[in-house]
Amino acid sequence: MRKIKDTTNEETIKNENQPEKDGVESSEVTIEEKLKNLYELQKIETQLDNIEKLRGELPMEVEDLEDELTGAKTRYQKFLDEIDSLEKKISAKKIEIKNAEAKIKKYTEQQKDVRNNREYDALNKEIEFQQLEIQLCEKNIKEFQAMIEKLKPECNQVLVLIEKLSHDLQMKQKELQEIIKETEKEEEIIKKKIEKIERKIDPRLLTAFKRIRKNMKNGLAVVKIERDACGGCFAKIPPQRQLEIKMRKKIIVCEYCGRILVDPDIDKN
C-alpha cells in the first residue's frame, strides 16, 4: 500500500526548487549545496540520536519510578493520618470513660444523702447510664484498636515499598547521570555543529526537514539511494528518477515515505 505523503513538506520543497527573485541566499546557494547541507545535518542529528539511544529507557524508567514513589508516599501518609485519627479517637474515648467514672463516683456519694427512694432511683439510673457509656466507649476503643492493627501491616508494606523504590530510583538516577556525564561534552559539540549547519539552511527547508524527521521513527529525513531504492522505506526508484537525483538540480522526495532523497556520492568531493 502506498503511503500518503506529507503535502506540506512537498509544497515547501517545491518552493525551495524555485529560484527566489529577492534574497542573496537563493542566488548564492545552489541546490547541490542545499542537498549537501541537509545530508550533513542529517548525519549530525543521527549522531545525537545515537547518544540519546545510549540512555535507552532510563529517562522513562526514572520518571516512572518517581511517579510510583510519589504515589507510595501519598498512600503511606494516608495510612499514618488514618492511624493518627484513630489514636485520637481512642484518647477521646478514654477521657469519656474517666468522666463517666467520675460521675459514677459522684452519684454514688450522693446516694448516701438522699431523702427518699425517688431520689435514690434517679441517681441509680444516672449511674447505670454512665456505666453503659463506659461499656460503649470500651467497645469503640476495641474497634479502633482492631482497625489500627489491620492498618499497621499495610502501612509497613508501603514503607518497605517506599524504601525499595527509593533505592531503585537512586540507582537509576546514578546510572543516568553517569551516562549523561560521559556524553555531555560530545553532545555539546554535536549541538554546536547542528546550530552551525542549520544557519546555512533556508528556514522553510529546515522546517520541512524537522517535520519529516519528527514523523519518522528512526529520525531519518534525508536518505541515500541504496540498491536502486529509497534508503528509508526501501521502495524502488525508477532509473529516470535516480538520474534526476544524481544530477542534484532539484530537491526530490520519496513518493512513498516523503523522505528527501540524495545520491550515494553526496558526501564525496
C-alpha atoms as a PDB file:
ATOM      1  CA  MET A   1       0.000   0.000   0.000  1.00  0.00           C
ATOM      2  CA  ARG A   2       1.359   3.402  -0.986  1.00  0.00           C
ATOM      3  CA  LYS A   3       1.977   5.711   1.944  1.00  0.00           C
ATOM      4  CA  ILE A   4       0.330   9.138   1.760  1.00  0.00           C
ATOM      5  CA  LYS A   5       2.922  11.883   1.537  1.00  0.00           C
ATOM      6  CA  ASP A   6       3.083  14.982   3.683  1.00  0.00           C
ATOM      7  CA  THR A   7       1.799  17.541   1.169  1.00  0.00           C
ATOM      8  CA  THR A   8       3.039  20.435   3.328  1.00  0.00           C
ATOM      9  CA  ASN A   9       6.612  19.128   3.104  1.00  0.00           C
ATOM     10  CA  GLU A  10       6.262  18.523  -0.635  1.00  0.00           C
ATOM     11  CA  GLU A  11       4.974  22.049  -1.221  1.00  0.00           C
ATOM     12  CA  THR A  12       7.790  23.518   0.868  1.00  0.00           C
ATOM     13  CA  ILE A  13      10.365  21.518  -1.069  1.00  0.00           C
ATOM     14  CA  LYS A  14       8.786  22.511  -4.380  1.00  0.00           C
ATOM     15  CA  ASN A  15       9.144  26.139  -3.336  1.00  0.00           C
ATOM     16  CA  GLU A  16      12.779  25.506  -2.488  1.00  0.00           C
ATOM     17  CA  ASN A  17      13.343  24.202  -6.021  1.00  0.00           C
ATOM     18  CA  GLN A  18      12.115  27.521  -7.415  1.00  0.00           C
ATOM     19  CA  PRO A  19      14.706  30.341  -7.510  1.00  0.00           C
ATOM     20  CA  GLU A  20      13.773  33.384  -5.474  1.00  0.00           C
ATOM     21  CA  LYS A  21      13.902  36.789  -7.089  1.00  0.00           C
ATOM     22  CA  ASP A  22      14.853  38.504  -3.848  1.00  0.00           C
ATOM     23  CA  GLY A  23      17.369  37.351  -1.264  1.00  0.00           C
ATOM     24  CA  VAL A  24      21.082  36.776  -1.531  1.00  0.00           C
ATOM     25  CA  GLU A  25      20.997  33.192  -0.221  1.00  0.00           C
ATOM     26  CA  SER A  26      18.970  31.726  -3.088  1.00  0.00           C
ATOM     27  CA  SER A  27      21.308  33.191  -5.692  1.00  0.00           C
ATOM     28  CA  GLU A  28      24.441  32.065  -3.860  1.00  0.00           C
ATOM     29  CA  VAL A  29      23.447  28.635  -2.543  1.00  0.00           C
ATOM     30  CA  THR A  30      22.914  26.015  -5.242  1.00  0.00           C
ATOM     31  CA  ILE A  31      20.525  23.070  -4.949  1.00  0.00           C
ATOM     32  CA  GLU A  32      23.551  20.790  -4.700  1.00  0.00           C
ATOM     33  CA  GLU A  33      24.865  22.770  -1.737  1.00  0.00           C
ATOM     34  CA  LYS A  34      21.433  22.697  -0.116  1.00  0.00           C
ATOM     35  CA  LEU A  35      21.305  18.920  -0.501  1.00  0.00           C
ATOM     36  CA  LYS A  36      24.806  18.552   0.938  1.00  0.00           C
ATOM     37  CA  ASN A  37      23.888  20.770   3.891  1.00  0.00           C
ATOM     38  CA  LEU A  38      20.727  18.769   4.529  1.00  0.00           C
ATOM     39  CA  TYR A  39      22.612  15.471   4.343  1.00  0.00           C
ATOM     40  CA  GLU A  40      25.327  16.809   6.647  1.00  0.00           C
ATOM     41  CA  LEU A  41      22.675  17.974   9.107  1.00  0.00           C
ATOM     42  CA  GLN A  42      21.065  14.537   8.980  1.00  0.00           C
ATOM     43  CA  LYS A  43      24.377  12.842   9.784  1.00  0.00           C
ATOM     44  CA  ILE A  44      24.974  15.116  12.764  1.00  0.00           C
ATOM     45  CA  GLU A  45      21.398  14.700  14.012  1.00  0.00           C
ATOM     46  CA  THR A  46      21.855  10.916  13.768  1.00  0.00           C
ATOM     47  CA  GLN A  47      24.959  11.179  15.966  1.00  0.00           C
ATOM     48  CA  LEU A  48      22.842  12.988  18.567  1.00  0.00           C
ATOM     49  CA  ASP A  49      20.128  10.317  18.235  1.00  0.00           C
ATOM     50  CA  ASN A  50      22.724   7.611  18.894  1.00  0.00           C
ATOM     51  CA  ILE A  51      23.836   9.363  22.083  1.00  0.00           C
ATOM     52  CA  GLU A  52      20.229   9.510  23.261  1.00  0.00           C
ATOM     53  CA  LYS A  53      19.860   5.800  22.438  1.00  0.00           C
ATOM     54  CA  LEU A  54      22.681   5.071  24.905  1.00  0.00           C
ATOM     55  CA  ARG A  55      20.354   6.310  27.627  1.00  0.00           C
ATOM     56  CA  GLY A  56      17.766   3.857  26.359  1.00  0.00           C
ATOM     57  CA  GLU A  57      14.675   3.664  28.515  1.00  0.00           C
ATOM     58  CA  LEU A  58      16.477   5.101  31.552  1.00  0.00           C
ATOM     59  CA  PRO A  59      14.845   8.566  31.453  1.00  0.00           C
ATOM     60  CA  MET A  60      11.383   6.983  31.253  1.00  0.00           C
ATOM     61  CA  GLU A  61      12.256   4.448  33.955  1.00  0.00           C
ATOM     62  CA  VAL A  62      13.428   7.256  36.237  1.00  0.00           C
ATOM     63  CA  GLU A  63      10.231   9.206  35.581  1.00  0.00           C
ATOM     64  CA  ASP A  64       8.055   6.135  36.238  1.00  0.00           C
ATOM     65  CA  LEU A  65       9.910   5.388  39.478  1.00  0.00           C
ATOM     66  CA  GLU A  66       9.498   8.997  40.606  1.00  0.00           C
ATOM     67  CA  ASP A  67       5.738   8.820  39.962  1.00  0.00           C
ATOM     68  CA  GLU A  68       5.447   5.455  41.695  1.00  0.00           C
ATOM     69  CA  LEU A  69       7.437   6.702  44.673  1.00  0.00           C
ATOM     70  CA  THR A  70       5.257   9.806  44.964  1.00  0.00           C
ATOM     71  CA  GLY A  71       2.156   7.598  44.911  1.00  0.00           C
ATOM     72  CA  ALA A  72       3.578   5.252  47.556  1.00  0.00           C
ATOM     73  CA  LYS A  73       4.481   8.182  49.819  1.00  0.00           C
ATOM     74  CA  THR A  74       0.955   9.560  49.434  1.00  0.00           C
ATOM     75  CA  ARG A  75      -0.533   6.174  50.402  1.00  0.00           C
ATOM     76  CA  TYR A  76       1.848   5.892  53.350  1.00  0.00           C
ATOM     77  CA  GLN A  77       0.907   9.346  54.611  1.00  0.00           C
ATOM     78  CA  LYS A  78      -2.763   8.437  54.232  1.00  0.00           C
ATOM     79  CA  PHE A  79      -2.224   5.369  56.433  1.00  0.00           C
ATOM     80  CA  LEU A  80      -0.372   7.468  59.020  1.00  0.00           C
ATOM     81  CA  ASP A  81      -3.148  10.070  59.057  1.00  0.00           C
ATOM     82  CA  GLU A  82      -5.801   7.375  59.456  1.00  0.00           C
ATOM     83  CA  ILE A  83      -3.909   5.680  62.305  1.00  0.00           C
ATOM     84  CA  ASP A  84      -3.340   9.058  63.958  1.00  0.00           C
ATOM     85  CA  SER A  85      -7.052   9.853  63.663  1.00  0.00           C
ATOM     86  CA  LEU A  86      -7.987   6.501  65.256  1.00  0.00           C
ATOM     87  CA  GLU A  87      -5.491   7.018  68.094  1.00  0.00           C
ATOM     88  CA  LYS A  88      -7.009  10.431  68.768  1.00  0.00           C
ATOM     89  CA  LYS A  89     -10.455   8.849  68.870  1.00  0.00           C
ATOM     90  CA  ILE A  90      -9.175   6.269  71.374  1.00  0.00           C
ATOM     91  CA  SER A  91      -7.751   9.047  73.554  1.00  0.00           C
ATOM     92  CA  ALA A  92     -11.089  10.889  73.389  1.00  0.00           C
ATOM     93  CA  LYS A  93     -12.975   7.740  74.416  1.00  0.00           C
ATOM     94  CA  LYS A  94     -10.608   7.187  77.345  1.00  0.00           C
ATOM     95  CA  ILE A  95     -11.319  10.728  78.519  1.00  0.00           C
ATOM     96  CA  GLU A  96     -15.051   9.996  78.233  1.00  0.00           C
ATOM     97  CA  ILE A  97     -14.560   6.871  80.385  1.00  0.00           C
ATOM     98  CA  LYS A  98     -12.741   8.891  83.051  1.00  0.00           C
ATOM     99  CA  ASN A  99     -15.507  11.495  83.041  1.00  0.00           C
ATOM    100  CA  ALA A 100     -18.144   8.756  83.327  1.00  0.00           C
ATOM    101  CA  GLU A 101     -16.256   7.100  86.208  1.00  0.00           C
ATOM    102  CA  ALA A 102     -16.038  10.477  87.961  1.00  0.00           C
ATOM    103  CA  LYS A 103     -19.797  10.936  87.561  1.00  0.00           C
ATOM    104  CA  ILE A 104     -20.482   7.425  88.884  1.00  0.00           C
ATOM    105  CA  LYS A 105     -18.350   8.196  91.927  1.00  0.00           C
ATOM    106  CA  LYS A 106     -20.197  11.479  92.435  1.00  0.00           C
ATOM    107  CA  TYR A 107     -23.657   9.916  92.065  1.00  0.00           C
ATOM    108  CA  THR A 108     -22.711   7.053  94.412  1.00  0.00           C
ATOM    109  CA  GLU A 109     -21.680   9.581  97.081  1.00  0.00           C
ATOM    110  CA  GLN A 110     -24.916  11.499  96.565  1.00  0.00           C
ATOM    111  CA  GLN A 111     -26.970   8.342  97.158  1.00  0.00           C
ATOM    112  CA  LYS A 112     -25.810   8.340 100.768  1.00  0.00           C
ATOM    113  CA  ASP A 113     -27.587  11.652 101.382  1.00  0.00           C
ATOM    114  CA  VAL A 114     -30.897  11.038  99.553  1.00  0.00           C
ATOM    115  CA  ARG A 115     -34.149  11.767 101.391  1.00  0.00           C
ATOM    116  CA  ASN A 116     -36.408   9.320  99.568  1.00  0.00           C
ATOM    117  CA  ASN A 117     -36.481   6.358  97.210  1.00  0.00           C
ATOM    118  CA  ARG A 118     -37.312   8.526  94.195  1.00  0.00           C
ATOM    119  CA  GLU A 119     -34.072  10.490  94.503  1.00  0.00           C
ATOM    120  CA  TYR A 120     -32.170   7.247  95.039  1.00  0.00           C
ATOM    121  CA  ASP A 121     -33.672   5.638  91.905  1.00  0.00           C
ATOM    122  CA  ALA A 122     -32.940   8.749  89.844  1.00  0.00           C
ATOM    123  CA  LEU A 123     -29.276   8.676  90.884  1.00  0.00           C
ATOM    124  CA  ASN A 124     -29.180   4.936  90.277  1.00  0.00           C
ATOM    125  CA  LYS A 125     -30.401   5.464  86.697  1.00  0.00           C
ATOM    126  CA  GLU A 126     -27.681   8.053  86.138  1.00  0.00           C
ATOM    127  CA  ILE A 127     -25.090   5.572  87.408  1.00  0.00           C
ATOM    128  CA  GLU A 128     -26.435   2.856  85.096  1.00  0.00           C
ATOM    129  CA  PHE A 129     -26.385   5.295  82.158  1.00  0.00           C
ATOM    130  CA  GLN A 130     -22.746   6.202  82.823  1.00  0.00           C
ATOM    131  CA  GLN A 131     -21.871   2.504  83.115  1.00  0.00           C
ATOM    132  CA  LEU A 132     -23.431   1.933  79.692  1.00  0.00           C
ATOM    133  CA  GLU A 133     -21.456   4.883  78.346  1.00  0.00           C
ATOM    134  CA  ILE A 134     -18.262   3.282  79.660  1.00  0.00           C
ATOM    135  CA  GLN A 135     -19.150  -0.051  78.034  1.00  0.00           C
ATOM    136  CA  LEU A 136     -19.863   1.695  74.729  1.00  0.00           C
ATOM    137  CA  CYS A 137     -16.576   3.625  74.894  1.00  0.00           C
ATOM    138  CA  GLU A 138     -14.657   0.428  75.655  1.00  0.00           C
ATOM    139  CA  LYS A 139     -16.336  -1.248  72.704  1.00  0.00           C
ATOM    140  CA  ASN A 140     -15.393   1.681  70.463  1.00  0.00           C
ATOM    141  CA  ILE A 141     -11.817   1.600  71.717  1.00  0.00           C
ATOM    142  CA  LYS A 142     -11.544  -2.113  70.844  1.00  0.00           C
ATOM    143  CA  GLU A 143     -12.931  -1.419  67.369  1.00  0.00           C
ATOM    144  CA  PHE A 144     -10.495   1.433  66.816  1.00  0.00           C
ATOM    145  CA  GLN A 145      -7.586  -0.674  68.065  1.00  0.00           C
ATOM    146  CA  ALA A 146      -8.607  -3.509  65.735  1.00  0.00           C
ATOM    147  CA  MET A 147      -8.659  -1.079  62.823  1.00  0.00           C
ATOM    148  CA  ILE A 148      -5.193   0.176  63.764  1.00  0.00           C
ATOM    149  CA  GLU A 149      -3.859  -3.383  63.954  1.00  0.00           C
ATOM    150  CA  LYS A 150      -5.266  -4.016  60.494  1.00  0.00           C
ATOM    151  CA  LEU A 151      -3.757  -0.838  59.066  1.00  0.00           C
ATOM    152  CA  LYS A 152      -0.265  -1.277  60.534  1.00  0.00           C
ATOM    153  CA  PRO A 153       0.791  -4.252  58.349  1.00  0.00           C
ATOM    154  CA  GLU A 154      -0.484  -2.463  55.235  1.00  0.00           C
ATOM    155  CA  CYS A 155       1.342   0.670  56.318  1.00  0.00           C
ATOM    156  CA  ASN A 156       4.554  -1.294  56.864  1.00  0.00           C
ATOM    157  CA  GLN A 157       4.220  -2.907  53.431  1.00  0.00           C
ATOM    158  CA  VAL A 158       4.001   0.517  51.808  1.00  0.00           C
ATOM    159  CA  LEU A 159       7.013   1.662  53.847  1.00  0.00           C
ATOM    160  CA  VAL A 160       9.024  -1.305  52.572  1.00  0.00           C
ATOM    161  CA  LEU A 161       7.890  -0.437  49.032  1.00  0.00           C
ATOM    162  CA  ILE A 162       8.998   3.173  49.541  1.00  0.00           C
ATOM    163  CA  GLU A 163      12.447   2.027  50.668  1.00  0.00           C
ATOM    164  CA  LYS A 164      12.739  -0.282  47.638  1.00  0.00           C
ATOM    165  CA  LEU A 165      11.544   2.364  45.185  1.00  0.00           C
ATOM    166  CA  SER A 166      13.880   4.958  46.727  1.00  0.00           C
ATOM    167  CA  HIS A 167      16.805   2.581  46.330  1.00  0.00           C
ATOM    168  CA  ASP A 168      15.876   1.675  42.742  1.00  0.00           C
ATOM    169  CA  LEU A 169      15.364   5.332  41.850  1.00  0.00           C
ATOM    170  CA  GLN A 170      18.706   6.304  43.337  1.00  0.00           C
ATOM    171  CA  MET A 171      20.453   3.576  41.319  1.00  0.00           C
ATOM    172  CA  LYS A 172      18.685   4.521  38.069  1.00  0.00           C
ATOM    173  CA  GLN A 173      19.386   8.224  38.594  1.00  0.00           C
ATOM    174  CA  LYS A 174      23.037   7.469  39.255  1.00  0.00           C
ATOM    175  CA  GLU A 175      23.231   5.316  36.127  1.00  0.00           C
ATOM    176  CA  LEU A 176      21.566   8.013  34.034  1.00  0.00           C
ATOM    177  CA  GLN A 177      23.825  10.750  35.417  1.00  0.00           C
ATOM    178  CA  GLU A 178      26.909   8.672  34.612  1.00  0.00           C
ATOM    179  CA  ILE A 179      25.768   8.243  31.003  1.00  0.00           C
ATOM    180  CA  ILE A 180      24.912  11.935  30.713  1.00  0.00           C
ATOM    181  CA  LYS A 181      28.313  12.862  32.172  1.00  0.00           C
ATOM    182  CA  GLU A 182      30.119  10.566  29.740  1.00  0.00           C
ATOM    183  CA  THR A 183      28.360  12.012  26.697  1.00  0.00           C
ATOM    184  CA  GLU A 184      27.899  15.599  27.907  1.00  0.00           C
ATOM    185  CA  LYS A 185      30.903  17.088  26.121  1.00  0.00           C
ATOM    186  CA  GLU A 186      30.285  15.133  22.926  1.00  0.00           C
ATOM    187  CA  GLU A 187      26.618  16.146  22.960  1.00  0.00           C
ATOM    188  CA  GLU A 188      27.541  19.799  23.439  1.00  0.00           C
ATOM    189  CA  ILE A 189      29.938  19.672  20.470  1.00  0.00           C
ATOM    190  CA  ILE A 190      27.310  17.999  18.287  1.00  0.00           C
ATOM    191  CA  LYS A 191      24.643  20.560  19.223  1.00  0.00           C
ATOM    192  CA  LYS A 192      27.005  23.390  18.255  1.00  0.00           C
ATOM    193  CA  LYS A 193      27.609  21.683  14.914  1.00  0.00           C
ATOM    194  CA  ILE A 194      23.848  21.396  14.405  1.00  0.00           C
ATOM    195  CA  GLU A 195      23.372  25.112  15.124  1.00  0.00           C
ATOM    196  CA  LYS A 196      26.159  25.974  12.704  1.00  0.00           C
ATOM    197  CA  ILE A 197      24.809  23.874   9.816  1.00  0.00           C
ATOM    198  CA  GLU A 198      21.209  24.993  10.465  1.00  0.00           C
ATOM    199  CA  ARG A 199      22.274  28.611   9.833  1.00  0.00           C
ATOM    200  CA  LYS A 200      23.261  27.581   6.295  1.00  0.00           C
ATOM    201  CA  ILE A 201      19.822  26.157   5.510  1.00  0.00           C
ATOM    202  CA  ASP A 202      16.808  28.188   4.416  1.00  0.00           C
ATOM    203  CA  PRO A 203      14.250  28.383   7.272  1.00  0.00           C
ATOM    204  CA  ARG A 204      11.446  26.901   5.151  1.00  0.00           C
ATOM    205  CA  LEU A 205      13.570  23.939   4.116  1.00  0.00           C
ATOM    206  CA  LEU A 206      14.804  23.485   7.670  1.00  0.00           C
ATOM    207  CA  THR A 207      11.202  23.423   8.926  1.00  0.00           C
ATOM    208  CA  ALA A 208      10.335  20.771   6.323  1.00  0.00           C
ATOM    209  CA  PHE A 209      13.406  18.729   7.329  1.00  0.00           C
ATOM    210  CA  LYS A 210      12.446  18.822  11.016  1.00  0.00           C
ATOM    211  CA  ARG A 211       8.845  17.914  10.244  1.00  0.00           C
ATOM    212  CA  ILE A 212       9.898  14.892   8.182  1.00  0.00           C
ATOM    213  CA  ARG A 213      12.360  13.824  10.875  1.00  0.00           C
ATOM    214  CA  LYS A 214       9.666  14.054  13.541  1.00  0.00           C
ATOM    215  CA  ASN A 215       7.353  11.814  11.528  1.00  0.00           C
ATOM    216  CA  MET A 216       9.987   9.085  11.060  1.00  0.00           C
ATOM    217  CA  LYS A 217      10.598   6.547  13.836  1.00  0.00           C
ATOM    218  CA  ASN A 218      14.310   6.348  13.040  1.00  0.00           C
ATOM    219  CA  GLY A 219      14.616  10.128  12.652  1.00  0.00           C
ATOM    220  CA  LEU A 220      15.877   9.893   9.069  1.00  0.00           C
ATOM    221  CA  ALA A 221      14.619  12.773   6.924  1.00  0.00           C
ATOM    222  CA  VAL A 222      17.404  12.618   4.302  1.00  0.00           C
ATOM    223  CA  VAL A 223      18.474   9.250   2.891  1.00  0.00           C
ATOM    224  CA  LYS A 224      20.699   7.974   0.125  1.00  0.00           C
ATOM    225  CA  ILE A 225      19.593   5.737  -2.706  1.00  0.00           C
ATOM    226  CA  GLU A 226      20.664   2.193  -1.839  1.00  0.00           C
ATOM    227  CA  ARG A 227      20.413  -0.637  -4.390  1.00  0.00           C
ATOM    228  CA  ASP A 228      18.108   1.413  -6.589  1.00  0.00           C
ATOM    229  CA  ALA A 229      15.746   2.003  -3.654  1.00  0.00           C
ATOM    230  CA  CYS A 230      14.937   4.614  -1.019  1.00  0.00           C
ATOM    231  CA  GLY A 231      17.303   4.223   1.929  1.00  0.00           C
ATOM    232  CA  GLY A 232      14.413   4.890   4.303  1.00  0.00           C
ATOM    233  CA  CYS A 233      11.435   2.803   3.158  1.00  0.00           C
ATOM    234  CA  PHE A 234      13.301   0.676   0.548  1.00  0.00           C
ATOM    235  CA  ALA A 235      10.774   1.434  -2.173  1.00  0.00           C
ATOM    236  CA  LYS A 236      12.205   1.002  -5.680  1.00  0.00           C
ATOM    237  CA  ILE A 237      13.119   4.208  -7.524  1.00  0.00           C
ATOM    238  CA  PRO A 238      12.797   4.339 -11.331  1.00  0.00           C
ATOM    239  CA  PRO A 239      16.060   4.859 -13.296  1.00  0.00           C
ATOM    240  CA  GLN A 240      14.917   8.239 -14.651  1.00  0.00           C
ATOM    241  CA  ARG A 241      14.171   9.403 -11.102  1.00  0.00           C
ATOM    242  CA  GLN A 242      17.592   8.204  -9.955  1.00  0.00           C
ATOM    243  CA  LEU A 243      19.217  10.179 -12.730  1.00  0.00           C
ATOM    244  CA  GLU A 244      17.403  13.343 -11.647  1.00  0.00           C
ATOM    245  CA  ILE A 245      18.541  12.784  -8.061  1.00  0.00           C
ATOM    246  CA  LYS A 246      22.131  12.228  -9.214  1.00  0.00           C
ATOM    247  CA  MET A 247      22.108  15.494 -11.162  1.00  0.00           C
ATOM    248  CA  ARG A 248      21.330  17.439  -7.944  1.00  0.00           C
ATOM    249  CA  LYS A 249      19.351  20.074  -9.794  1.00  0.00           C
ATOM    250  CA  LYS A 250      16.299  19.902  -7.546  1.00  0.00           C
ATOM    251  CA  ILE A 251      15.245  18.533  -4.182  1.00  0.00           C
ATOM    252  CA  ILE A 252      13.335  15.268  -4.664  1.00  0.00           C
ATOM    253  CA  VAL A 253      11.325  13.353  -2.073  1.00  0.00           C
ATOM    254  CA  CYS A 254      10.417   9.675  -1.982  1.00  0.00           C
ATOM    255  CA  GLU A 255       6.924   9.125  -3.393  1.00  0.00           C
ATOM    256  CA  TYR A 256       6.224   6.514  -0.719  1.00  0.00           C
ATOM    257  CA  CYS A 257       7.632   7.808   2.577  1.00  0.00           C
ATOM    258  CA  GLY A 258       8.238  11.514   1.857  1.00  0.00           C
ATOM    259  CA  ARG A 259      11.936  11.488   2.809  1.00  0.00           C
ATOM    260  CA  ILE A 260      14.380  13.711   0.929  1.00  0.00           C
ATOM    261  CA  LEU A 261      16.468  11.584  -1.468  1.00  0.00           C
ATOM    262  CA  VAL A 262      20.149  12.118  -2.262  1.00  0.00           C
ATOM    263  CA  ASP A 263      22.548  10.155  -4.450  1.00  0.00           C
ATOM    264  CA  PRO A 264      25.081   7.730  -2.907  1.00  0.00           C
ATOM    265  CA  ASP A 265      28.023  10.032  -3.691  1.00  0.00           C
ATOM    266  CA  ILE A 266      26.544  13.139  -1.987  1.00  0.00           C
ATOM    267  CA  ASP A 267      29.201  13.217   0.726  1.00  0.00           C
ATOM    268  CA  LYS A 268      32.118  12.795  -1.672  1.00  0.00           C
ATOM    269  CA  ASN A 269      34.048  15.754  -3.054  1.00  0.00           C
END
